[in-house]
Amino acid sequence: MANEIVMTKEGYDDLVKELNELKTTRRAEISEKIRVARGFGDLSENSEYDEAKNEQAIVEARILTLENQLKNVKIIEKSDTVKGTVSLGSFVTIRDVEFGDEMTYRIISSVESSNDMSTITDESPVGKALLGHKAGETVEVTIPSGAQIEYQIIKVEVSFLLGAPLHSALPITLVILFY
């Protein structure tokens, strides 16, 4: 598979949902904006029309990007992970060796990147450094400024969820642990 994109099932489902939303709802909304803007007259000086056409171009580009990404997705399965090893989809608790701060993150692919502060991507400096390591190991991370930070891996959990991604703020979450 050319340019294979490895991601979790939840991330894949989110991309499919976004693609469907863009192809149905967003396309229809933009089409209506264009139709209304055409009614304002001269298109050469019609800012509403220009804005709607620009929005249409952005949405169509995102649709094309998502379709291309989804063609090359490999969903990570339980069998693709090694017990106790940090991998895509795993939750990892780390401790900053210098300051003692503990943090728990879920490792996700950069394609499924989110604004959730409890996730880090597999392409980020910390994510790259953690991949393949186990609880008890210490990793050194070189951050973009050039500074080095040392993290000790406290705990690694691999969870494969039914339906929705695990979020630590949810009071009740169905989690099936295979390890």
Foldseek 3Di string as FASTA:
>chain_A
DPPAFEWAPQLLVVLVVVLVCLVPVVVVVLVVQLVVQVVVDDPVPRVSNVVSVVSVVVSVVSNVVSVVNSVRYDHDDPVNDDPQAQDAQKWWWKAFPVPGDIAIAHETDPSSDDPDPRYDYCPAQVNVQRGGDGAQDKTWGQHPVRDITIMGTHGMFHWRADDHDDDPPDPDGDTDGPD
